[in-house]
ModelCIF file with pLDDT and N, C-alpha, C, O atoms, coordinates in Angstrom:
data_MODEL
#
_entry.id   MODEL 
#
_entity.id                         1 
_entity.type                       polymer 
_entity.pdbx_number_of_molecules   1 
#
_entity_poly.entity_id                      1 
_entity_poly.type                           'polypeptide(L)' 
_entity_poly.nstd_linkage                   no 
_entity_poly.nstd_monomer                   no 
_entity_poly.pdbx_seq_one_letter_code       MKMFLLSIAYCLLFISLSCNEQNKHVANTSVSTGLY 
_entity_poly.pdbx_seq_one_letter_code_can   MKMFLLSIAYCLLFISLSCNEQNKHVANTSVSTGLY 
_entity_poly.pdbx_strand_id                 A 
#
loop_
_entity_poly_seq.entity_id 
_entity_poly_seq.num 
_entity_poly_seq.mon_id 
_entity_poly_seq.hetero 
1 1  MET n 
1 2  LYS n 
1 3  MET n 
1 4  PHE n 
1 5  LEU n 
1 6  LEU n 
1 7  SER n 
1 8  ILE n 
1 9  ALA n 
1 10 TYR n 
1 11 CYS n 
1 12 LEU n 
1 13 LEU n 
1 14 PHE n 
1 15 ILE n 
1 16 SER n 
1 17 LEU n 
1 18 SER n 
1 19 CYS n 
1 20 ASN n 
1 21 GLU n 
1 22 GLN n 
1 23 ASN n 
1 24 LYS n 
1 25 HIS n 
1 26 VAL n 
1 27 ALA n 
1 28 ASN n 
1 29 THR n 
1 30 SER n 
1 31 VAL n 
1 32 SER n 
1 33 THR n 
1 34 GLY n 
1 35 LEU n 
1 36 TYR n 
#
_struct_asym.id          A 
_struct_asym.entity_id   1 
#
loop_
_ma_qa_metric.id 
_ma_qa_metric.mode 
_ma_qa_metric.name 
_ma_qa_metric.software_group_id 
_ma_qa_metric.type 
1 global pLDDT . pLDDT 
2 local  pLDDT . pLDDT 
#
_ma_qa_metric_global.metric_id      1 
_ma_qa_metric_global.metric_value   64.89 
_ma_qa_metric_global.model_id       1 
_ma_qa_metric_global.ordinal_id     1 
#
loop_
_ma_qa_metric_local.label_asym_id 
_ma_qa_metric_local.label_comp_id 
_ma_qa_metric_local.label_seq_id 
_ma_qa_metric_local.metric_id 
_ma_qa_metric_local.metric_value 
_ma_qa_metric_local.model_id 
_ma_qa_metric_local.ordinal_id 
A MET 1  2 77.00 1 1  
A LYS 2  2 78.00 1 2  
A MET 3  2 81.00 1 3  
A PHE 4  2 82.00 1 4  
A LEU 5  2 80.00 1 5  
A LEU 6  2 77.00 1 6  
A SER 7  2 79.00 1 7  
A ILE 8  2 82.00 1 8  
A ALA 9  2 77.00 1 9  
A TYR 10 2 73.00 1 10 
A CYS 11 2 71.00 1 11 
A LEU 12 2 75.00 1 12 
A LEU 13 2 72.00 1 13 
A PHE 14 2 72.00 1 14 
A ILE 15 2 77.00 1 15 
A SER 16 2 72.00 1 16 
A LEU 17 2 68.00 1 17 
A SER 18 2 66.00 1 18 
A CYS 19 2 59.00 1 19 
A ASN 20 2 54.00 1 20 
A GLU 21 2 49.00 1 21 
A GLN 22 2 46.00 1 22 
A ASN 23 2 45.00 1 23 
A LYS 24 2 46.00 1 24 
A HIS 25 2 44.00 1 25 
A VAL 26 2 44.00 1 26 
A ALA 27 2 41.00 1 27 
A ASN 28 2 45.00 1 28 
A THR 29 2 46.00 1 29 
A SER 30 2 43.00 1 30 
A VAL 31 2 46.00 1 31 
A SER 32 2 46.00 1 32 
A THR 33 2 63.00 1 33 
A GLY 34 2 80.00 1 34 
A LEU 35 2 89.00 1 35 
A TYR 36 2 91.00 1 36 
#
loop_
_atom_site.group_PDB 
_atom_site.id 
_atom_site.type_symbol 
_atom_site.label_atom_id 
_atom_site.label_alt_id 
_atom_site.label_comp_id 
_atom_site.label_asym_id 
_atom_site.label_entity_id 
_atom_site.label_seq_id 
_atom_site.pdbx_PDB_ins_code 
_atom_site.Cartn_x 
_atom_site.Cartn_y 
_atom_site.Cartn_z 
_atom_site.occupancy 
_atom_site.B_iso_or_equiv 
_atom_site.pdbx_formal_charge 
_atom_site.auth_seq_id 
_atom_site.auth_comp_id 
_atom_site.auth_asym_id 
_atom_site.auth_atom_id 
_atom_site.pdbx_PDB_model_num 
ATOM 1   N N  . MET A 1 1  ? -21.014 -17.081 -6.144 1.00 77.00 ? 1  MET A N  1 
ATOM 2   C CA . MET A 1 1  ? -20.420 -16.599 -6.799 1.00 77.00 ? 1  MET A CA 1 
ATOM 3   C C  . MET A 1 1  ? -20.160 -15.205 -5.628 1.00 77.00 ? 1  MET A C  1 
ATOM 4   O O  . MET A 1 1  ? -19.130 -14.752 -5.128 1.00 77.00 ? 1  MET A O  1 
ATOM 5   N N  . LYS A 1 2  ? -21.534 -14.839 -5.503 1.00 78.00 ? 2  LYS A N  1 
ATOM 6   C CA . LYS A 1 2  ? -21.307 -13.513 -4.380 1.00 78.00 ? 2  LYS A CA 1 
ATOM 7   C C  . LYS A 1 2  ? -19.802 -13.190 -3.523 1.00 78.00 ? 2  LYS A C  1 
ATOM 8   O O  . LYS A 1 2  ? -18.894 -12.360 -3.557 1.00 78.00 ? 2  LYS A O  1 
ATOM 9   N N  . MET A 1 3  ? -20.152 -14.301 -2.824 1.00 81.00 ? 3  MET A N  1 
ATOM 10  C CA . MET A 1 3  ? -18.822 -14.594 -1.733 1.00 81.00 ? 3  MET A CA 1 
ATOM 11  C C  . MET A 1 3  ? -17.761 -14.767 -2.766 1.00 81.00 ? 3  MET A C  1 
ATOM 12  O O  . MET A 1 3  ? -16.897 -14.610 -1.903 1.00 81.00 ? 3  MET A O  1 
ATOM 13  N N  . PHE A 1 4  ? -17.152 -14.927 -3.702 1.00 82.00 ? 4  PHE A N  1 
ATOM 14  C CA . PHE A 1 4  ? -15.717 -15.095 -4.884 1.00 82.00 ? 4  PHE A CA 1 
ATOM 15  C C  . PHE A 1 4  ? -15.822 -13.553 -4.546 1.00 82.00 ? 4  PHE A C  1 
ATOM 16  O O  . PHE A 1 4  ? -15.205 -13.167 -3.553 1.00 82.00 ? 4  PHE A O  1 
ATOM 17  N N  . LEU A 1 5  ? -16.530 -12.662 -5.264 1.00 80.00 ? 5  LEU A N  1 
ATOM 18  C CA . LEU A 1 5  ? -16.236 -11.339 -5.909 1.00 80.00 ? 5  LEU A CA 1 
ATOM 19  C C  . LEU A 1 5  ? -16.380 -10.370 -4.715 1.00 80.00 ? 5  LEU A C  1 
ATOM 20  O O  . LEU A 1 5  ? -16.094 -9.177  -4.809 1.00 80.00 ? 5  LEU A O  1 
ATOM 21  N N  . LEU A 1 6  ? -16.898 -11.026 -3.444 1.00 77.00 ? 6  LEU A N  1 
ATOM 22  C CA . LEU A 1 6  ? -16.040 -10.048 -2.277 1.00 77.00 ? 6  LEU A CA 1 
ATOM 23  C C  . LEU A 1 6  ? -14.982 -10.014 -2.141 1.00 77.00 ? 6  LEU A C  1 
ATOM 24  O O  . LEU A 1 6  ? -14.135 -9.125  -2.219 1.00 77.00 ? 6  LEU A O  1 
ATOM 25  N N  . SER A 1 7  ? -14.969 -11.792 -1.758 1.00 79.00 ? 7  SER A N  1 
ATOM 26  C CA . SER A 1 7  ? -13.388 -12.108 -1.535 1.00 79.00 ? 7  SER A CA 1 
ATOM 27  C C  . SER A 1 7  ? -12.210 -11.170 -2.887 1.00 79.00 ? 7  SER A C  1 
ATOM 28  O O  . SER A 1 7  ? -11.196 -10.594 -2.494 1.00 79.00 ? 7  SER A O  1 
ATOM 29  N N  . ILE A 1 8  ? -12.444 -11.182 -3.797 1.00 82.00 ? 8  ILE A N  1 
ATOM 30  C CA . ILE A 1 8  ? -11.454 -10.369 -4.800 1.00 82.00 ? 8  ILE A CA 1 
ATOM 31  C C  . ILE A 1 8  ? -11.533 -9.170  -4.496 1.00 82.00 ? 8  ILE A C  1 
ATOM 32  O O  . ILE A 1 8  ? -10.539 -8.598  -4.943 1.00 82.00 ? 8  ILE A O  1 
ATOM 33  N N  . ALA A 1 9  ? -12.506 -8.166  -3.721 1.00 77.00 ? 9  ALA A N  1 
ATOM 34  C CA . ALA A 1 9  ? -13.014 -7.389  -4.110 1.00 77.00 ? 9  ALA A CA 1 
ATOM 35  C C  . ALA A 1 9  ? -12.372 -6.886  -2.509 1.00 77.00 ? 9  ALA A C  1 
ATOM 36  O O  . ALA A 1 9  ? -12.294 -5.682  -2.263 1.00 77.00 ? 9  ALA A O  1 
ATOM 37  N N  . TYR A 1 10 ? -11.923 -7.953  -1.450 1.00 73.00 ? 10 TYR A N  1 
ATOM 38  C CA . TYR A 1 10 ? -11.469 -7.364  -0.078 1.00 73.00 ? 10 TYR A CA 1 
ATOM 39  C C  . TYR A 1 10 ? -9.663  -7.671  -0.577 1.00 73.00 ? 10 TYR A C  1 
ATOM 40  O O  . TYR A 1 10 ? -8.825  -7.144  0.154  1.00 73.00 ? 10 TYR A O  1 
ATOM 41  N N  . CYS A 1 11 ? -9.234  -8.366  -1.592 1.00 71.00 ? 11 CYS A N  1 
ATOM 42  C CA . CYS A 1 11 ? -7.959  -9.204  -1.854 1.00 71.00 ? 11 CYS A CA 1 
ATOM 43  C C  . CYS A 1 11 ? -8.037  -7.291  -2.918 1.00 71.00 ? 11 CYS A C  1 
ATOM 44  O O  . CYS A 1 11 ? -7.918  -6.911  -1.753 1.00 71.00 ? 11 CYS A O  1 
ATOM 45  N N  . LEU A 1 12 ? -8.083  -6.433  -3.516 1.00 75.00 ? 12 LEU A N  1 
ATOM 46  C CA . LEU A 1 12 ? -7.705  -5.529  -3.766 1.00 75.00 ? 12 LEU A CA 1 
ATOM 47  C C  . LEU A 1 12 ? -7.981  -4.489  -3.028 1.00 75.00 ? 12 LEU A C  1 
ATOM 48  O O  . LEU A 1 12 ? -7.355  -3.460  -3.280 1.00 75.00 ? 12 LEU A O  1 
ATOM 49  N N  . LEU A 1 13 ? -8.774  -4.479  -2.158 1.00 72.00 ? 13 LEU A N  1 
ATOM 50  C CA . LEU A 1 13 ? -8.782  -3.407  -1.011 1.00 72.00 ? 13 LEU A CA 1 
ATOM 51  C C  . LEU A 1 13 ? -7.796  -2.895  -0.495 1.00 72.00 ? 13 LEU A C  1 
ATOM 52  O O  . LEU A 1 13 ? -7.424  -1.734  -0.329 1.00 72.00 ? 13 LEU A O  1 
ATOM 53  N N  . PHE A 1 14 ? -7.192  -4.391  -0.125 1.00 72.00 ? 14 PHE A N  1 
ATOM 54  C CA . PHE A 1 14 ? -5.912  -4.900  0.481  1.00 72.00 ? 14 PHE A CA 1 
ATOM 55  C C  . PHE A 1 14 ? -4.593  -4.060  0.400  1.00 72.00 ? 14 PHE A C  1 
ATOM 56  O O  . PHE A 1 14 ? -4.028  -3.195  1.069  1.00 72.00 ? 14 PHE A O  1 
ATOM 57  N N  . ILE A 1 15 ? -4.336  -4.937  -1.064 1.00 77.00 ? 15 ILE A N  1 
ATOM 58  C CA . ILE A 1 15 ? -3.233  -4.800  -2.303 1.00 77.00 ? 15 ILE A CA 1 
ATOM 59  C C  . ILE A 1 15 ? -3.036  -3.103  -2.237 1.00 77.00 ? 15 ILE A C  1 
ATOM 60  O O  . ILE A 1 15 ? -1.980  -2.472  -2.214 1.00 77.00 ? 15 ILE A O  1 
ATOM 61  N N  . SER A 1 16 ? -4.642  -2.527  -2.212 1.00 72.00 ? 16 SER A N  1 
ATOM 62  C CA . SER A 1 16 ? -4.213  -0.917  -2.711 1.00 72.00 ? 16 SER A CA 1 
ATOM 63  C C  . SER A 1 16 ? -3.716  -0.457  -1.548 1.00 72.00 ? 16 SER A C  1 
ATOM 64  O O  . SER A 1 16 ? -2.678  0.203   -1.593 1.00 72.00 ? 16 SER A O  1 
ATOM 65  N N  . LEU A 1 17 ? -4.280  -0.684  -0.439 1.00 68.00 ? 17 LEU A N  1 
ATOM 66  C CA . LEU A 1 17 ? -3.656  -0.061  0.866  1.00 68.00 ? 17 LEU A CA 1 
ATOM 67  C C  . LEU A 1 17 ? -2.414  -0.380  1.430  1.00 68.00 ? 17 LEU A C  1 
ATOM 68  O O  . LEU A 1 17 ? -1.910  0.543   2.071  1.00 68.00 ? 17 LEU A O  1 
ATOM 69  N N  . SER A 1 18 ? -1.551  -1.800  1.354  1.00 66.00 ? 18 SER A N  1 
ATOM 70  C CA . SER A 1 18 ? -1.044  -1.427  1.474  1.00 66.00 ? 18 SER A CA 1 
ATOM 71  C C  . SER A 1 18 ? 0.490   -0.826  0.197  1.00 66.00 ? 18 SER A C  1 
ATOM 72  O O  . SER A 1 18 ? 1.703   -0.865  0.403  1.00 66.00 ? 18 SER A O  1 
ATOM 73  N N  . CYS A 1 19 ? -0.069  -0.468  -0.704 1.00 59.00 ? 19 CYS A N  1 
ATOM 74  C CA . CYS A 1 19 ? 0.841   0.378   -1.532 1.00 59.00 ? 19 CYS A CA 1 
ATOM 75  C C  . CYS A 1 19 ? 0.564   1.816   -1.258 1.00 59.00 ? 19 CYS A C  1 
ATOM 76  O O  . CYS A 1 19 ? 1.541   2.340   -0.722 1.00 59.00 ? 19 CYS A O  1 
ATOM 77  N N  . ASN A 1 20 ? -0.045  2.317   -1.370 1.00 54.00 ? 20 ASN A N  1 
ATOM 78  C CA . ASN A 1 20 ? -0.503  3.376   -0.465 1.00 54.00 ? 20 ASN A CA 1 
ATOM 79  C C  . ASN A 1 20 ? 0.747   4.112   1.119  1.00 54.00 ? 20 ASN A C  1 
ATOM 80  O O  . ASN A 1 20 ? 1.396   5.138   1.325  1.00 54.00 ? 20 ASN A O  1 
ATOM 81  N N  . GLU A 1 21 ? 0.365   2.345   2.109  1.00 49.00 ? 21 GLU A N  1 
ATOM 82  C CA . GLU A 1 21 ? 1.740   1.903   3.216  1.00 49.00 ? 21 GLU A CA 1 
ATOM 83  C C  . GLU A 1 21 ? 2.892   2.814   2.748  1.00 49.00 ? 21 GLU A C  1 
ATOM 84  O O  . GLU A 1 21 ? 3.440   3.866   3.074  1.00 49.00 ? 21 GLU A O  1 
ATOM 85  N N  . GLN A 1 22 ? 2.980   1.677   1.643  1.00 46.00 ? 22 GLN A N  1 
ATOM 86  C CA . GLN A 1 22 ? 4.701   1.808   1.451  1.00 46.00 ? 22 GLN A CA 1 
ATOM 87  C C  . GLN A 1 22 ? 5.284   2.594   0.558  1.00 46.00 ? 22 GLN A C  1 
ATOM 88  O O  . GLN A 1 22 ? 6.463   2.441   0.238  1.00 46.00 ? 22 GLN A O  1 
ATOM 89  N N  . ASN A 1 23 ? 4.307   3.766   -0.071 1.00 45.00 ? 23 ASN A N  1 
ATOM 90  C CA . ASN A 1 23 ? 4.640   4.929   -0.848 1.00 45.00 ? 23 ASN A CA 1 
ATOM 91  C C  . ASN A 1 23 ? 4.580   5.942   0.380  1.00 45.00 ? 23 ASN A C  1 
ATOM 92  O O  . ASN A 1 23 ? 5.477   6.783   0.433  1.00 45.00 ? 23 ASN A O  1 
ATOM 93  N N  . LYS A 1 24 ? 3.614   5.936   1.362  1.00 46.00 ? 24 LYS A N  1 
ATOM 94  C CA . LYS A 1 24 ? 3.697   6.673   2.269  1.00 46.00 ? 24 LYS A CA 1 
ATOM 95  C C  . LYS A 1 24 ? 5.104   6.652   3.093  1.00 46.00 ? 24 LYS A C  1 
ATOM 96  O O  . LYS A 1 24 ? 5.351   7.708   3.675  1.00 46.00 ? 24 LYS A O  1 
ATOM 97  N N  . HIS A 1 25 ? 5.998   5.680   3.219  1.00 44.00 ? 25 HIS A N  1 
ATOM 98  C CA . HIS A 1 25 ? 7.062   5.450   4.413  1.00 44.00 ? 25 HIS A CA 1 
ATOM 99  C C  . HIS A 1 25 ? 8.503   5.648   2.957  1.00 44.00 ? 25 HIS A C  1 
ATOM 100 O O  . HIS A 1 25 ? 9.532   6.177   3.378  1.00 44.00 ? 25 HIS A O  1 
ATOM 101 N N  . VAL A 1 26 ? 8.508   5.369   1.894  1.00 44.00 ? 26 VAL A N  1 
ATOM 102 C CA . VAL A 1 26 ? 9.224   5.839   1.383  1.00 44.00 ? 26 VAL A CA 1 
ATOM 103 C C  . VAL A 1 26 ? 9.713   7.345   1.016  1.00 44.00 ? 26 VAL A C  1 
ATOM 104 O O  . VAL A 1 26 ? 10.864  7.780   1.013  1.00 44.00 ? 26 VAL A O  1 
ATOM 105 N N  . ALA A 1 27 ? 8.162   8.194   0.622  1.00 41.00 ? 27 ALA A N  1 
ATOM 106 C CA . ALA A 1 27 ? 8.239   9.261   0.495  1.00 41.00 ? 27 ALA A CA 1 
ATOM 107 C C  . ALA A 1 27 ? 8.999   10.292  2.121  1.00 41.00 ? 27 ALA A C  1 
ATOM 108 O O  . ALA A 1 27 ? 9.524   11.405  2.171  1.00 41.00 ? 27 ALA A O  1 
ATOM 109 N N  . ASN A 1 28 ? 8.719   9.300   3.173  1.00 45.00 ? 28 ASN A N  1 
ATOM 110 C CA . ASN A 1 28 ? 8.897   9.849   4.391  1.00 45.00 ? 28 ASN A CA 1 
ATOM 111 C C  . ASN A 1 28 ? 10.578  9.887   5.034  1.00 45.00 ? 28 ASN A C  1 
ATOM 112 O O  . ASN A 1 28 ? 11.094  10.655  5.846  1.00 45.00 ? 28 ASN A O  1 
ATOM 113 N N  . THR A 1 29 ? 11.241  8.487   4.138  1.00 46.00 ? 29 THR A N  1 
ATOM 114 C CA . THR A 1 29 ? 12.455  8.276   4.147  1.00 46.00 ? 29 THR A CA 1 
ATOM 115 C C  . THR A 1 29 ? 13.430  8.894   3.031  1.00 46.00 ? 29 THR A C  1 
ATOM 116 O O  . THR A 1 29 ? 14.616  8.791   3.344  1.00 46.00 ? 29 THR A O  1 
ATOM 117 N N  . SER A 1 30 ? 13.174  9.543   1.740  1.00 43.00 ? 30 SER A N  1 
ATOM 118 C CA . SER A 1 30 ? 13.438  10.064  1.464  1.00 43.00 ? 30 SER A CA 1 
ATOM 119 C C  . SER A 1 30 ? 14.003  11.264  1.686  1.00 43.00 ? 30 SER A C  1 
ATOM 120 O O  . SER A 1 30 ? 15.084  11.388  1.110  1.00 43.00 ? 30 SER A O  1 
ATOM 121 N N  . VAL A 1 31 ? 13.532  12.514  2.537  1.00 46.00 ? 31 VAL A N  1 
ATOM 122 C CA . VAL A 1 31 ? 13.641  13.571  2.901  1.00 46.00 ? 31 VAL A CA 1 
ATOM 123 C C  . VAL A 1 31 ? 14.803  13.243  3.101  1.00 46.00 ? 31 VAL A C  1 
ATOM 124 O O  . VAL A 1 31 ? 14.834  12.219  3.783  1.00 46.00 ? 31 VAL A O  1 
ATOM 125 N N  . SER A 1 32 ? 16.314  13.815  2.697  1.00 46.00 ? 32 SER A N  1 
ATOM 126 C CA . SER A 1 32 ? 17.342  13.487  3.916  1.00 46.00 ? 32 SER A CA 1 
ATOM 127 C C  . SER A 1 32 ? 18.082  14.572  3.853  1.00 46.00 ? 32 SER A C  1 
ATOM 128 O O  . SER A 1 32 ? 18.267  15.438  2.999  1.00 46.00 ? 32 SER A O  1 
ATOM 129 N N  . THR A 1 33 ? 18.766  14.212  5.718  1.00 63.00 ? 33 THR A N  1 
ATOM 130 C CA . THR A 1 33 ? 19.672  16.014  5.979  1.00 63.00 ? 33 THR A CA 1 
ATOM 131 C C  . THR A 1 33 ? 20.860  15.987  5.521  1.00 63.00 ? 33 THR A C  1 
ATOM 132 O O  . THR A 1 33 ? 21.639  16.911  5.754  1.00 63.00 ? 33 THR A O  1 
ATOM 133 N N  . GLY A 1 34 ? 21.137  15.118  4.928  1.00 80.00 ? 34 GLY A N  1 
ATOM 134 C CA . GLY A 1 34 ? 22.669  15.222  4.194  1.00 80.00 ? 34 GLY A CA 1 
ATOM 135 C C  . GLY A 1 34 ? 23.095  13.334  4.123  1.00 80.00 ? 34 GLY A C  1 
ATOM 136 O O  . GLY A 1 34 ? 22.598  12.386  4.731  1.00 80.00 ? 34 GLY A O  1 
ATOM 137 N N  . LEU A 1 35 ? 24.247  13.403  3.068  1.00 89.00 ? 35 LEU A N  1 
ATOM 138 C CA . LEU A 1 35 ? 24.980  12.452  2.892  1.00 89.00 ? 35 LEU A CA 1 
ATOM 139 C C  . LEU A 1 35 ? 26.234  11.744  3.678  1.00 89.00 ? 35 LEU A C  1 
ATOM 140 O O  . LEU A 1 35 ? 27.242  12.435  3.536  1.00 89.00 ? 35 LEU A O  1 
ATOM 141 N N  . TYR A 1 36 ? 26.528  10.265  4.667  1.00 91.00 ? 36 TYR A N  1 
ATOM 142 C CA . TYR A 1 36 ? 27.634  10.110  5.063  1.00 91.00 ? 36 TYR A CA 1 
ATOM 143 C C  . TYR A 1 36 ? 27.908  9.363   4.564  1.00 91.00 ? 36 TYR A C  1 
ATOM 144 O O  . TYR A 1 36 ? 29.039  8.901   4.714  1.00 91.00 ? 36 TYR A O  1 
#
């Protein structure tokens, strides 16, 4: 049972970190210098 809860915690941590990385990528690309 302890292993199961630990694996779920790792999965949630991985998902939250990947979402933060995606938000940083979107924030960096949203700054535009002009439209072409």
